[in-house]
Amino acid sequence: MSENEAKKAASSWLNVAVDYGPLLVFLGAYRWNSPATPNAAGELAAIIAGTGAFMVAAIAALLVSKWRLGKVSPMLWFSTALIVGFGSMTIFFGDPTFVQLKPTIIYAVFGIVLLGGFVTGRPLLKILLEAAFEGLNDAGWLKLSRNWGVFFLMLAILNEVLRAQMTFEGWLWAKIWVFLPLTFLFTFSQIPMLMKHGLAFEDKDEVLKDEPPTGI
């Protein structure tokens, strides 16, 4: 592996860590502070502790991205701003609804923006990912933007359904066991289409590493 390839692989995995690391911190802090005997006050305290840790981890991830990659993507700026904003409201009002709404808003906004770009013939995902997939032509970028736009809207609906039907802990675990696998499978399913539009076979693994942040 050349030095450039090694740097590219490292930055790709760092992107994944920046995107999903804060969620793992959230889950860990919540579980650490969960009461041994279920009760409303203890549950709320655990949610507040997890939310606070989530906010700190999100800001740290943004700083790491700036430090190691020299940039912060628009998606990461937007996601972090919502995490801090809705996390602060969750802590201030003592209501987990705010932090649970954050993914819905991120998914919906990204979905609408990407589909709006598709309708107007602008592959906005190419800009957001900074043309990460070498060789992919404009038609491929446009289709990828459309597909991710639809997928983001589906995630927004799914988040609302799970938020309404599950406990907070169940919803939080769903971010790991439902949203992550779905995102991986969807990303993997795009590879055949991308290869038809210029993506080199040896670059197919980069698709899984350079997927758009999912706002988890």
N, C-alpha and C. Protein backbone atom coordinates (compact mmCIF):
# COMPACT_ATOMS: atom_id res chain seq x y z
N MET A 1 0.85 -1.20 0.00
CA MET A 1 0.00 0.00 0.00
C MET A 1 0.89 1.25 0.00
N SER A 2 0.61 2.20 -0.92
CA SER A 2 1.39 3.41 -1.00
C SER A 2 1.07 4.33 0.17
N GLU A 3 1.91 5.37 0.34
CA GLU A 3 1.69 6.31 1.44
C GLU A 3 0.37 7.04 1.28
N ASN A 4 0.02 7.42 0.03
CA ASN A 4 -1.25 8.11 -0.20
C ASN A 4 -2.44 7.23 0.09
N GLU A 5 -2.32 5.95 -0.30
CA GLU A 5 -3.41 5.01 -0.04
C GLU A 5 -3.58 4.80 1.46
N ALA A 6 -2.47 4.71 2.19
CA ALA A 6 -2.53 4.52 3.64
C ALA A 6 -3.20 5.71 4.31
N LYS A 7 -2.84 6.93 3.86
CA LYS A 7 -3.45 8.13 4.43
C LYS A 7 -4.94 8.18 4.13
N LYS A 8 -5.32 7.77 2.92
CA LYS A 8 -6.72 7.79 2.54
C LYS A 8 -7.52 6.79 3.36
N ALA A 9 -6.95 5.60 3.59
CA ALA A 9 -7.63 4.59 4.40
C ALA A 9 -7.79 5.07 5.84
N ALA A 10 -6.74 5.69 6.37
CA ALA A 10 -6.80 6.19 7.74
C ALA A 10 -7.86 7.27 7.89
N SER A 11 -7.92 8.17 6.91
CA SER A 11 -8.91 9.24 6.99
C SER A 11 -10.33 8.70 6.84
N SER A 12 -10.51 7.65 6.04
CA SER A 12 -11.82 7.05 5.87
C SER A 12 -12.32 6.44 7.17
N TRP A 13 -11.44 5.70 7.84
CA TRP A 13 -11.85 5.09 9.11
C TRP A 13 -12.03 6.14 10.19
N LEU A 14 -11.28 7.23 10.11
CA LEU A 14 -11.47 8.31 11.06
C LEU A 14 -12.85 8.94 10.87
N ASN A 15 -13.29 9.05 9.62
CA ASN A 15 -14.62 9.57 9.35
C ASN A 15 -15.68 8.71 10.02
N VAL A 16 -15.51 7.39 9.94
CA VAL A 16 -16.46 6.47 10.57
C VAL A 16 -16.46 6.66 12.08
N ALA A 17 -15.26 6.78 12.67
CA ALA A 17 -15.15 6.95 14.12
C ALA A 17 -15.80 8.27 14.57
N VAL A 18 -15.58 9.32 13.80
CA VAL A 18 -16.15 10.63 14.13
C VAL A 18 -17.67 10.57 14.06
N ASP A 19 -18.20 9.83 13.11
CA ASP A 19 -19.65 9.75 12.94
C ASP A 19 -20.32 8.92 14.02
N TYR A 20 -19.73 7.76 14.36
CA TYR A 20 -20.40 6.83 15.27
C TYR A 20 -19.86 6.82 16.70
N GLY A 21 -18.67 7.38 16.90
CA GLY A 21 -18.09 7.40 18.24
C GLY A 21 -18.96 8.06 19.29
N PRO A 22 -19.51 9.26 19.02
CA PRO A 22 -20.36 9.91 20.02
C PRO A 22 -21.57 9.07 20.44
N LEU A 23 -22.13 8.30 19.49
CA LEU A 23 -23.26 7.44 19.84
C LEU A 23 -22.85 6.39 20.85
N LEU A 24 -21.69 5.78 20.66
CA LEU A 24 -21.21 4.77 21.60
C LEU A 24 -20.94 5.38 22.97
N VAL A 25 -20.44 6.61 22.99
CA VAL A 25 -20.25 7.31 24.27
C VAL A 25 -21.60 7.55 24.94
N PHE A 26 -22.57 7.97 24.18
CA PHE A 26 -23.93 8.19 24.69
C PHE A 26 -24.47 6.92 25.34
N LEU A 27 -24.37 5.82 24.62
CA LEU A 27 -24.89 4.56 25.12
C LEU A 27 -24.14 4.12 26.37
N GLY A 28 -22.82 4.25 26.36
CA GLY A 28 -22.02 3.84 27.51
C GLY A 28 -22.33 4.67 28.74
N ALA A 29 -22.44 5.99 28.59
CA ALA A 29 -22.73 6.87 29.73
C ALA A 29 -24.13 6.60 30.27
N TYR A 30 -25.06 6.36 29.37
CA TYR A 30 -26.43 6.07 29.80
C TYR A 30 -26.48 4.78 30.61
N ARG A 31 -25.85 3.73 30.09
CA ARG A 31 -25.86 2.44 30.78
C ARG A 31 -25.13 2.52 32.12
N TRP A 32 -24.04 3.26 32.17
CA TRP A 32 -23.24 3.40 33.40
C TRP A 32 -24.06 4.06 34.50
N ASN A 33 -24.93 5.00 34.11
CA ASN A 33 -25.70 5.75 35.10
C ASN A 33 -27.12 5.23 35.31
N SER A 34 -27.49 4.18 34.58
CA SER A 34 -28.84 3.62 34.74
C SER A 34 -29.01 3.04 36.14
N PRO A 35 -30.15 3.28 36.78
CA PRO A 35 -30.38 2.76 38.13
C PRO A 35 -30.52 1.25 38.15
N ALA A 36 -30.03 0.62 39.21
CA ALA A 36 -30.15 -0.84 39.34
C ALA A 36 -31.60 -1.25 39.44
N THR A 37 -32.38 -0.45 40.16
CA THR A 37 -33.82 -0.68 40.26
C THR A 37 -34.53 0.38 39.43
N PRO A 38 -35.27 -0.01 38.39
CA PRO A 38 -35.90 0.97 37.52
C PRO A 38 -36.79 1.95 38.28
N ASN A 39 -36.58 3.22 38.04
CA ASN A 39 -37.43 4.27 38.59
C ASN A 39 -37.30 5.50 37.71
N ALA A 40 -38.34 6.31 37.71
CA ALA A 40 -38.41 7.45 36.79
C ALA A 40 -37.28 8.45 37.01
N ALA A 41 -37.00 8.78 38.27
CA ALA A 41 -35.96 9.77 38.56
C ALA A 41 -34.58 9.27 38.13
N GLY A 42 -34.29 7.99 38.42
CA GLY A 42 -33.00 7.42 38.04
C GLY A 42 -32.85 7.33 36.53
N GLU A 43 -33.96 6.98 35.85
CA GLU A 43 -33.93 6.89 34.39
C GLU A 43 -33.65 8.26 33.78
N LEU A 44 -34.31 9.29 34.30
CA LEU A 44 -34.10 10.64 33.77
C LEU A 44 -32.67 11.10 34.02
N ALA A 45 -32.13 10.78 35.19
CA ALA A 45 -30.74 11.15 35.50
C ALA A 45 -29.78 10.46 34.53
N ALA A 46 -30.04 9.20 34.20
CA ALA A 46 -29.18 8.48 33.26
C ALA A 46 -29.26 9.08 31.86
N ILE A 47 -30.47 9.49 31.46
CA ILE A 47 -30.66 10.11 30.15
C ILE A 47 -29.90 11.44 30.08
N ILE A 48 -29.99 12.23 31.15
CA ILE A 48 -29.30 13.51 31.18
C ILE A 48 -27.79 13.32 31.15
N ALA A 49 -27.30 12.34 31.91
CA ALA A 49 -25.86 12.05 31.92
C ALA A 49 -25.39 11.59 30.54
N GLY A 50 -26.17 10.71 29.91
CA GLY A 50 -25.82 10.24 28.58
C GLY A 50 -25.85 11.36 27.55
N THR A 51 -26.85 12.23 27.68
CA THR A 51 -26.97 13.35 26.74
C THR A 51 -25.80 14.30 26.89
N GLY A 52 -25.40 14.60 28.13
CA GLY A 52 -24.25 15.47 28.35
C GLY A 52 -22.98 14.88 27.77
N ALA A 53 -22.78 13.58 27.98
CA ALA A 53 -21.61 12.92 27.42
C ALA A 53 -21.66 12.92 25.89
N PHE A 54 -22.85 12.76 25.34
CA PHE A 54 -23.06 12.77 23.90
C PHE A 54 -22.64 14.12 23.32
N MET A 55 -23.04 15.20 23.98
CA MET A 55 -22.70 16.55 23.52
C MET A 55 -21.18 16.76 23.54
N VAL A 56 -20.54 16.36 24.63
CA VAL A 56 -19.09 16.53 24.74
C VAL A 56 -18.38 15.70 23.66
N ALA A 57 -18.84 14.45 23.47
CA ALA A 57 -18.21 13.57 22.48
C ALA A 57 -18.39 14.11 21.07
N ALA A 58 -19.56 14.70 20.78
CA ALA A 58 -19.82 15.25 19.46
C ALA A 58 -18.89 16.43 19.16
N ILE A 59 -18.72 17.30 20.16
CA ILE A 59 -17.81 18.43 19.99
C ILE A 59 -16.38 17.94 19.82
N ALA A 60 -15.99 16.93 20.61
CA ALA A 60 -14.65 16.36 20.49
C ALA A 60 -14.44 15.76 19.11
N ALA A 61 -15.47 15.07 18.58
CA ALA A 61 -15.37 14.47 17.25
C ALA A 61 -15.17 15.55 16.19
N LEU A 62 -15.87 16.67 16.35
CA LEU A 62 -15.73 17.78 15.40
C LEU A 62 -14.30 18.33 15.44
N LEU A 63 -13.76 18.50 16.65
CA LEU A 63 -12.40 19.02 16.79
C LEU A 63 -11.37 18.04 16.23
N VAL A 64 -11.59 16.74 16.44
CA VAL A 64 -10.68 15.73 15.90
C VAL A 64 -10.70 15.77 14.38
N SER A 65 -11.90 15.91 13.81
CA SER A 65 -12.01 15.99 12.36
C SER A 65 -11.23 17.19 11.82
N LYS A 66 -11.35 18.32 12.51
CA LYS A 66 -10.63 19.51 12.08
C LYS A 66 -9.13 19.32 12.23
N TRP A 67 -8.72 18.68 13.31
CA TRP A 67 -7.29 18.50 13.61
C TRP A 67 -6.64 17.50 12.67
N ARG A 68 -7.26 16.31 12.52
CA ARG A 68 -6.63 15.24 11.76
C ARG A 68 -6.91 15.35 10.26
N LEU A 69 -8.08 15.83 9.88
CA LEU A 69 -8.44 15.90 8.47
C LEU A 69 -8.29 17.30 7.89
N GLY A 70 -8.14 18.28 8.78
CA GLY A 70 -7.98 19.65 8.31
C GLY A 70 -9.26 20.30 7.86
N LYS A 71 -10.40 19.65 8.09
CA LYS A 71 -11.68 20.20 7.65
C LYS A 71 -12.82 19.60 8.47
N VAL A 72 -13.96 20.24 8.40
CA VAL A 72 -15.18 19.73 9.01
C VAL A 72 -16.27 19.78 7.95
N SER A 73 -16.87 18.64 7.66
CA SER A 73 -17.88 18.59 6.60
C SER A 73 -19.13 19.37 7.01
N PRO A 74 -19.89 19.90 6.03
CA PRO A 74 -21.14 20.59 6.35
C PRO A 74 -22.11 19.70 7.14
N MET A 75 -22.14 18.42 6.80
CA MET A 75 -23.01 17.49 7.52
C MET A 75 -22.62 17.40 8.99
N LEU A 76 -21.31 17.35 9.26
CA LEU A 76 -20.85 17.23 10.64
C LEU A 76 -21.13 18.50 11.43
N TRP A 77 -20.94 19.66 10.79
CA TRP A 77 -21.28 20.93 11.45
C TRP A 77 -22.75 20.94 11.85
N PHE A 78 -23.61 20.58 10.90
CA PHE A 78 -25.05 20.61 11.13
C PHE A 78 -25.45 19.62 12.22
N SER A 79 -24.91 18.40 12.13
CA SER A 79 -25.24 17.36 13.11
C SER A 79 -24.80 17.78 14.51
N THR A 80 -23.57 18.31 14.62
CA THR A 80 -23.07 18.71 15.93
C THR A 80 -23.88 19.85 16.52
N ALA A 81 -24.26 20.81 15.68
CA ALA A 81 -25.08 21.93 16.15
C ALA A 81 -26.40 21.43 16.71
N LEU A 82 -27.01 20.46 16.03
CA LEU A 82 -28.29 19.92 16.52
C LEU A 82 -28.10 19.10 17.79
N ILE A 83 -27.02 18.35 17.87
CA ILE A 83 -26.75 17.57 19.08
C ILE A 83 -26.62 18.50 20.29
N VAL A 84 -25.85 19.57 20.13
CA VAL A 84 -25.67 20.51 21.23
C VAL A 84 -26.98 21.23 21.55
N GLY A 85 -27.68 21.67 20.51
CA GLY A 85 -28.92 22.41 20.73
C GLY A 85 -30.01 21.56 21.37
N PHE A 86 -30.29 20.42 20.78
CA PHE A 86 -31.36 19.57 21.30
C PHE A 86 -30.92 18.87 22.59
N GLY A 87 -29.62 18.58 22.72
CA GLY A 87 -29.13 18.02 23.96
C GLY A 87 -29.29 19.00 25.11
N SER A 88 -29.02 20.28 24.85
CA SER A 88 -29.18 21.30 25.88
C SER A 88 -30.64 21.41 26.32
N MET A 89 -31.56 21.31 25.37
CA MET A 89 -32.99 21.38 25.71
C MET A 89 -33.41 20.15 26.51
N THR A 90 -32.85 18.99 26.15
CA THR A 90 -33.15 17.77 26.91
C THR A 90 -32.73 17.93 28.37
N ILE A 91 -31.53 18.45 28.59
CA ILE A 91 -31.03 18.63 29.95
C ILE A 91 -31.81 19.72 30.69
N PHE A 92 -32.08 20.83 30.00
CA PHE A 92 -32.77 21.95 30.65
C PHE A 92 -34.20 21.60 31.04
N PHE A 93 -34.92 20.96 30.13
CA PHE A 93 -36.33 20.65 30.38
C PHE A 93 -36.52 19.27 31.01
N GLY A 94 -35.46 18.47 31.05
CA GLY A 94 -35.59 17.12 31.60
C GLY A 94 -36.52 16.25 30.77
N ASP A 95 -36.44 16.43 29.43
CA ASP A 95 -37.34 15.71 28.53
C ASP A 95 -36.51 15.08 27.41
N PRO A 96 -36.45 13.76 27.34
CA PRO A 96 -35.64 13.08 26.32
C PRO A 96 -36.19 13.23 24.91
N THR A 97 -37.41 13.75 24.77
CA THR A 97 -38.00 13.89 23.44
C THR A 97 -37.11 14.72 22.53
N PHE A 98 -36.49 15.75 23.08
CA PHE A 98 -35.69 16.65 22.25
C PHE A 98 -34.52 15.92 21.60
N VAL A 99 -33.76 15.16 22.38
CA VAL A 99 -32.60 14.47 21.81
C VAL A 99 -33.05 13.35 20.87
N GLN A 100 -34.24 12.80 21.08
CA GLN A 100 -34.75 11.77 20.18
C GLN A 100 -35.22 12.35 18.85
N LEU A 101 -35.63 13.62 18.86
CA LEU A 101 -36.08 14.27 17.63
C LEU A 101 -34.90 14.66 16.73
N LYS A 102 -33.74 14.80 17.32
CA LYS A 102 -32.58 15.26 16.56
C LYS A 102 -32.30 14.42 15.31
N PRO A 103 -32.25 13.08 15.41
CA PRO A 103 -32.00 12.30 14.19
C PRO A 103 -33.08 12.48 13.13
N THR A 104 -34.34 12.59 13.56
CA THR A 104 -35.42 12.78 12.60
C THR A 104 -35.20 14.04 11.78
N ILE A 105 -34.82 15.13 12.46
CA ILE A 105 -34.61 16.40 11.78
C ILE A 105 -33.43 16.31 10.82
N ILE A 106 -32.34 15.69 11.28
CA ILE A 106 -31.16 15.55 10.41
C ILE A 106 -31.50 14.73 9.18
N TYR A 107 -32.14 13.57 9.38
CA TYR A 107 -32.49 12.72 8.24
C TYR A 107 -33.40 13.45 7.27
N ALA A 108 -34.42 14.13 7.81
CA ALA A 108 -35.38 14.81 6.95
C ALA A 108 -34.73 15.93 6.15
N VAL A 109 -33.89 16.73 6.82
CA VAL A 109 -33.23 17.84 6.12
C VAL A 109 -32.30 17.32 5.04
N PHE A 110 -31.46 16.34 5.37
CA PHE A 110 -30.55 15.79 4.37
C PHE A 110 -31.33 15.17 3.21
N GLY A 111 -32.41 14.44 3.52
CA GLY A 111 -33.20 13.82 2.48
C GLY A 111 -33.81 14.83 1.53
N ILE A 112 -34.39 15.88 2.09
CA ILE A 112 -35.02 16.92 1.27
C ILE A 112 -33.99 17.65 0.43
N VAL A 113 -32.84 17.97 1.03
CA VAL A 113 -31.79 18.69 0.30
C VAL A 113 -31.26 17.84 -0.86
N LEU A 114 -30.98 16.56 -0.61
CA LEU A 114 -30.44 15.70 -1.66
C LEU A 114 -31.45 15.48 -2.78
N LEU A 115 -32.72 15.28 -2.43
CA LEU A 115 -33.74 15.09 -3.46
C LEU A 115 -34.00 16.39 -4.22
N GLY A 116 -33.91 17.51 -3.51
CA GLY A 116 -34.04 18.79 -4.20
C GLY A 116 -32.94 18.98 -5.22
N GLY A 117 -31.72 18.58 -4.85
CA GLY A 117 -30.61 18.64 -5.79
C GLY A 117 -30.81 17.71 -6.97
N PHE A 118 -31.36 16.53 -6.70
CA PHE A 118 -31.63 15.57 -7.79
C PHE A 118 -32.64 16.14 -8.78
N VAL A 119 -33.71 16.73 -8.27
CA VAL A 119 -34.75 17.28 -9.13
C VAL A 119 -34.20 18.40 -10.02
N THR A 120 -33.27 19.18 -9.48
CA THR A 120 -32.69 20.30 -10.24
C THR A 120 -31.43 19.90 -11.01
N GLY A 121 -31.11 18.59 -10.96
CA GLY A 121 -29.97 18.11 -11.73
C GLY A 121 -28.62 18.38 -11.11
N ARG A 122 -28.59 18.61 -9.78
CA ARG A 122 -27.32 18.89 -9.09
C ARG A 122 -27.03 17.77 -8.10
N PRO A 123 -25.98 16.99 -8.33
CA PRO A 123 -25.63 15.90 -7.41
C PRO A 123 -24.94 16.43 -6.16
N LEU A 124 -25.74 16.89 -5.19
CA LEU A 124 -25.18 17.56 -4.01
C LEU A 124 -24.32 16.63 -3.17
N LEU A 125 -24.55 15.33 -3.26
CA LEU A 125 -23.73 14.40 -2.49
C LEU A 125 -22.28 14.45 -2.95
N LYS A 126 -22.06 14.77 -4.22
CA LYS A 126 -20.70 14.90 -4.73
C LYS A 126 -19.97 16.03 -4.01
N ILE A 127 -20.69 17.10 -3.70
CA ILE A 127 -20.10 18.23 -3.00
C ILE A 127 -19.86 17.87 -1.54
N LEU A 128 -20.85 17.22 -0.90
CA LEU A 128 -20.75 16.89 0.51
C LEU A 128 -19.65 15.87 0.79
N LEU A 129 -19.47 14.93 -0.14
CA LEU A 129 -18.42 13.92 0.03
C LEU A 129 -17.12 14.33 -0.65
N GLU A 130 -17.14 15.51 -1.27
CA GLU A 130 -15.95 16.04 -1.92
C GLU A 130 -15.39 15.04 -2.94
N ALA A 131 -16.28 14.50 -3.75
CA ALA A 131 -15.89 13.58 -4.83
C ALA A 131 -15.00 12.46 -4.33
N ALA A 132 -15.42 11.80 -3.26
CA ALA A 132 -14.58 10.78 -2.63
C ALA A 132 -14.35 9.57 -3.53
N PHE A 133 -15.27 9.29 -4.43
CA PHE A 133 -15.18 8.08 -5.26
C PHE A 133 -14.61 8.43 -6.62
N GLU A 134 -13.33 8.17 -6.80
CA GLU A 134 -12.66 8.51 -8.05
C GLU A 134 -13.24 7.73 -9.22
N GLY A 135 -13.44 8.42 -10.32
CA GLY A 135 -13.94 7.78 -11.53
C GLY A 135 -15.45 7.80 -11.67
N LEU A 136 -16.18 8.05 -10.60
CA LEU A 136 -17.63 8.05 -10.67
C LEU A 136 -18.10 9.25 -11.50
N ASN A 137 -18.92 8.97 -12.53
CA ASN A 137 -19.36 10.06 -13.40
C ASN A 137 -20.55 10.81 -12.79
N ASP A 138 -20.96 11.89 -13.44
CA ASP A 138 -22.01 12.75 -12.89
C ASP A 138 -23.35 12.02 -12.79
N ALA A 139 -23.63 11.13 -13.74
CA ALA A 139 -24.88 10.37 -13.68
C ALA A 139 -24.89 9.48 -12.45
N GLY A 140 -23.75 8.88 -12.12
CA GLY A 140 -23.66 8.05 -10.92
C GLY A 140 -23.84 8.87 -9.66
N TRP A 141 -23.22 10.05 -9.60
CA TRP A 141 -23.38 10.92 -8.43
C TRP A 141 -24.83 11.36 -8.27
N LEU A 142 -25.48 11.63 -9.39
CA LEU A 142 -26.87 12.08 -9.33
C LEU A 142 -27.77 10.97 -8.79
N LYS A 143 -27.57 9.75 -9.29
CA LYS A 143 -28.36 8.62 -8.81
C LYS A 143 -28.07 8.34 -7.34
N LEU A 144 -26.80 8.44 -6.96
CA LEU A 144 -26.44 8.20 -5.56
C LEU A 144 -27.08 9.24 -4.65
N SER A 145 -27.11 10.49 -5.09
CA SER A 145 -27.76 11.55 -4.31
C SER A 145 -29.25 11.25 -4.16
N ARG A 146 -29.88 10.82 -5.24
CA ARG A 146 -31.30 10.47 -5.19
C ARG A 146 -31.56 9.32 -4.21
N ASN A 147 -30.75 8.28 -4.33
CA ASN A 147 -30.97 7.10 -3.49
C ASN A 147 -30.75 7.41 -2.01
N TRP A 148 -29.69 8.17 -1.71
CA TRP A 148 -29.46 8.54 -0.32
C TRP A 148 -30.55 9.48 0.20
N GLY A 149 -31.06 10.33 -0.67
CA GLY A 149 -32.15 11.21 -0.26
C GLY A 149 -33.37 10.43 0.17
N VAL A 150 -33.74 9.44 -0.63
CA VAL A 150 -34.89 8.59 -0.28
C VAL A 150 -34.60 7.80 0.99
N PHE A 151 -33.39 7.28 1.12
CA PHE A 151 -33.03 6.50 2.30
C PHE A 151 -33.07 7.35 3.56
N PHE A 152 -32.58 8.57 3.48
CA PHE A 152 -32.63 9.46 4.64
C PHE A 152 -34.08 9.71 5.08
N LEU A 153 -34.97 9.92 4.15
CA LEU A 153 -36.37 10.16 4.50
C LEU A 153 -36.98 8.91 5.16
N MET A 154 -36.60 7.74 4.68
CA MET A 154 -37.08 6.50 5.29
C MET A 154 -36.56 6.37 6.72
N LEU A 155 -35.29 6.77 6.95
CA LEU A 155 -34.74 6.72 8.30
C LEU A 155 -35.47 7.70 9.22
N ALA A 156 -35.86 8.85 8.69
CA ALA A 156 -36.60 9.83 9.50
C ALA A 156 -37.92 9.23 9.97
N ILE A 157 -38.62 8.57 9.06
CA ILE A 157 -39.89 7.94 9.42
C ILE A 157 -39.67 6.81 10.42
N LEU A 158 -38.64 6.00 10.17
CA LEU A 158 -38.34 4.88 11.07
C LEU A 158 -38.01 5.38 12.47
N ASN A 159 -37.24 6.46 12.55
CA ASN A 159 -36.89 7.00 13.87
C ASN A 159 -38.13 7.43 14.64
N GLU A 160 -39.08 8.04 13.95
CA GLU A 160 -40.31 8.48 14.61
C GLU A 160 -41.15 7.29 15.07
N VAL A 161 -41.19 6.24 14.26
CA VAL A 161 -41.95 5.05 14.64
C VAL A 161 -41.33 4.39 15.88
N LEU A 162 -40.02 4.23 15.87
CA LEU A 162 -39.34 3.59 17.00
C LEU A 162 -39.41 4.47 18.25
N ARG A 163 -39.32 5.78 18.07
CA ARG A 163 -39.40 6.69 19.21
C ARG A 163 -40.76 6.61 19.89
N ALA A 164 -41.79 6.41 19.08
CA ALA A 164 -43.15 6.34 19.62
C ALA A 164 -43.46 4.99 20.25
N GLN A 165 -42.80 3.93 19.77
CA GLN A 165 -43.16 2.59 20.19
C GLN A 165 -42.23 1.99 21.25
N MET A 166 -41.05 2.55 21.44
CA MET A 166 -40.06 1.91 22.31
C MET A 166 -39.72 2.79 23.50
N THR A 167 -39.17 2.15 24.53
CA THR A 167 -38.62 2.89 25.65
C THR A 167 -37.38 3.64 25.18
N PHE A 168 -36.89 4.58 26.01
CA PHE A 168 -35.70 5.32 25.61
C PHE A 168 -34.51 4.38 25.41
N GLU A 169 -34.33 3.44 26.31
CA GLU A 169 -33.21 2.51 26.17
C GLU A 169 -33.37 1.65 24.93
N GLY A 170 -34.59 1.20 24.67
CA GLY A 170 -34.83 0.41 23.46
C GLY A 170 -34.53 1.20 22.21
N TRP A 171 -34.95 2.47 22.21
CA TRP A 171 -34.67 3.34 21.07
C TRP A 171 -33.17 3.54 20.90
N LEU A 172 -32.47 3.70 22.01
CA LEU A 172 -31.03 3.93 21.95
C LEU A 172 -30.31 2.70 21.40
N TRP A 173 -30.71 1.51 21.83
CA TRP A 173 -30.10 0.28 21.31
C TRP A 173 -30.43 0.11 19.82
N ALA A 174 -31.61 0.60 19.41
CA ALA A 174 -31.99 0.48 18.00
C ALA A 174 -31.04 1.26 17.10
N LYS A 175 -30.43 2.31 17.65
CA LYS A 175 -29.46 3.06 16.86
C LYS A 175 -28.28 2.17 16.48
N ILE A 176 -27.96 1.21 17.35
CA ILE A 176 -26.85 0.29 17.09
C ILE A 176 -27.30 -0.90 16.26
N TRP A 177 -28.40 -1.53 16.65
CA TRP A 177 -28.80 -2.81 16.07
C TRP A 177 -29.78 -2.70 14.91
N VAL A 178 -30.32 -1.52 14.66
CA VAL A 178 -31.25 -1.34 13.54
C VAL A 178 -30.67 -0.35 12.52
N PHE A 179 -30.37 0.86 12.96
CA PHE A 179 -29.94 1.90 12.03
C PHE A 179 -28.57 1.61 11.42
N LEU A 180 -27.63 1.17 12.22
CA LEU A 180 -26.30 0.88 11.68
C LEU A 180 -26.32 -0.24 10.64
N PRO A 181 -26.95 -1.40 10.94
CA PRO A 181 -27.01 -2.46 9.91
C PRO A 181 -27.74 -2.01 8.66
N LEU A 182 -28.85 -1.27 8.82
CA LEU A 182 -29.57 -0.80 7.65
C LEU A 182 -28.71 0.12 6.79
N THR A 183 -27.96 0.99 7.46
CA THR A 183 -27.10 1.91 6.72
C THR A 183 -26.01 1.15 5.98
N PHE A 184 -25.43 0.16 6.64
CA PHE A 184 -24.38 -0.65 6.00
C PHE A 184 -24.94 -1.40 4.79
N LEU A 185 -26.09 -2.04 4.97
CA LEU A 185 -26.68 -2.80 3.87
C LEU A 185 -27.06 -1.90 2.70
N PHE A 186 -27.62 -0.73 3.02
CA PHE A 186 -27.99 0.19 1.95
C PHE A 186 -26.74 0.65 1.19
N THR A 187 -25.70 1.02 1.94
CA THR A 187 -24.46 1.47 1.31
C THR A 187 -23.88 0.39 0.41
N PHE A 188 -23.87 -0.85 0.92
CA PHE A 188 -23.36 -1.98 0.14
C PHE A 188 -24.19 -2.19 -1.13
N SER A 189 -25.50 -1.97 -1.02
CA SER A 189 -26.39 -2.21 -2.17
C SER A 189 -26.14 -1.21 -3.30
N GLN A 190 -25.48 -0.10 -3.01
CA GLN A 190 -25.23 0.91 -4.04
C GLN A 190 -24.01 0.59 -4.91
N ILE A 191 -23.18 -0.34 -4.47
CA ILE A 191 -21.93 -0.61 -5.18
C ILE A 191 -22.15 -1.04 -6.63
N PRO A 192 -23.08 -1.98 -6.94
CA PRO A 192 -23.26 -2.36 -8.35
C PRO A 192 -23.62 -1.17 -9.24
N MET A 193 -24.50 -0.30 -8.77
CA MET A 193 -24.87 0.87 -9.56
C MET A 193 -23.67 1.79 -9.77
N LEU A 194 -22.88 1.99 -8.71
CA LEU A 194 -21.73 2.88 -8.81
C LEU A 194 -20.69 2.33 -9.78
N MET A 195 -20.51 1.01 -9.78
CA MET A 195 -19.53 0.40 -10.68
C MET A 195 -19.97 0.53 -12.14
N LYS A 196 -21.26 0.60 -12.37
CA LYS A 196 -21.76 0.81 -13.73
C LYS A 196 -21.51 2.24 -14.20
N HIS A 197 -21.26 3.12 -13.25
CA HIS A 197 -21.07 4.54 -13.59
C HIS A 197 -19.64 5.01 -13.33
N GLY A 198 -18.69 4.09 -13.40
CA GLY A 198 -17.30 4.50 -13.41
C GLY A 198 -16.49 4.18 -12.17
N LEU A 199 -17.12 3.72 -11.10
CA LEU A 199 -16.35 3.39 -9.91
C LEU A 199 -15.49 2.16 -10.18
N ALA A 200 -14.20 2.25 -9.90
CA ALA A 200 -13.30 1.13 -10.14
C ALA A 200 -13.55 0.02 -9.13
N PHE A 201 -13.36 -1.23 -9.56
CA PHE A 201 -13.61 -2.37 -8.68
C PHE A 201 -12.76 -2.31 -7.43
N GLU A 202 -11.50 -1.87 -7.58
CA GLU A 202 -10.60 -1.84 -6.43
C GLU A 202 -10.99 -0.74 -5.44
N ASP A 203 -11.87 0.17 -5.85
CA ASP A 203 -12.29 1.26 -4.95
C ASP A 203 -13.63 0.98 -4.29
N LYS A 204 -14.17 -0.21 -4.50
CA LYS A 204 -15.51 -0.49 -3.98
C LYS A 204 -15.56 -0.46 -2.46
N ASP A 205 -14.45 -0.83 -1.80
CA ASP A 205 -14.44 -0.80 -0.34
C ASP A 205 -14.51 0.63 0.19
N GLU A 206 -14.10 1.59 -0.60
CA GLU A 206 -14.14 2.99 -0.16
C GLU A 206 -15.58 3.46 0.01
N VAL A 207 -16.51 2.85 -0.71
CA VAL A 207 -17.91 3.23 -0.59
C VAL A 207 -18.40 3.02 0.84
N LEU A 208 -17.99 1.90 1.44
CA LEU A 208 -18.42 1.59 2.80
C LEU A 208 -17.76 2.50 3.82
N LYS A 209 -16.55 2.98 3.51
CA LYS A 209 -15.83 3.83 4.46
C LYS A 209 -16.23 5.30 4.32
N ASP A 210 -16.63 5.72 3.11
CA ASP A 210 -16.92 7.13 2.86
C ASP A 210 -18.41 7.40 2.72
N GLU A 211 -19.23 6.61 3.37
CA GLU A 211 -20.66 6.85 3.33
C GLU A 211 -20.99 8.18 4.00
N PRO A 212 -22.09 8.82 3.60
CA PRO A 212 -22.46 10.08 4.25
C PRO A 212 -22.75 9.87 5.73
N PRO A 213 -22.44 10.85 6.58
CA PRO A 213 -22.81 10.73 7.99
C PRO A 213 -24.31 10.56 8.11
N THR A 214 -24.74 9.68 8.96
CA THR A 214 -26.16 9.39 9.07
C THR A 214 -26.85 10.12 10.21
N GLY A 215 -26.16 11.01 10.85
CA GLY A 215 -26.81 11.79 11.88
C GLY A 215 -27.29 11.02 13.06
N ILE A 216 -26.66 9.88 13.35
CA ILE A 216 -27.08 9.05 14.45
C ILE A 216 -26.87 9.77 15.77
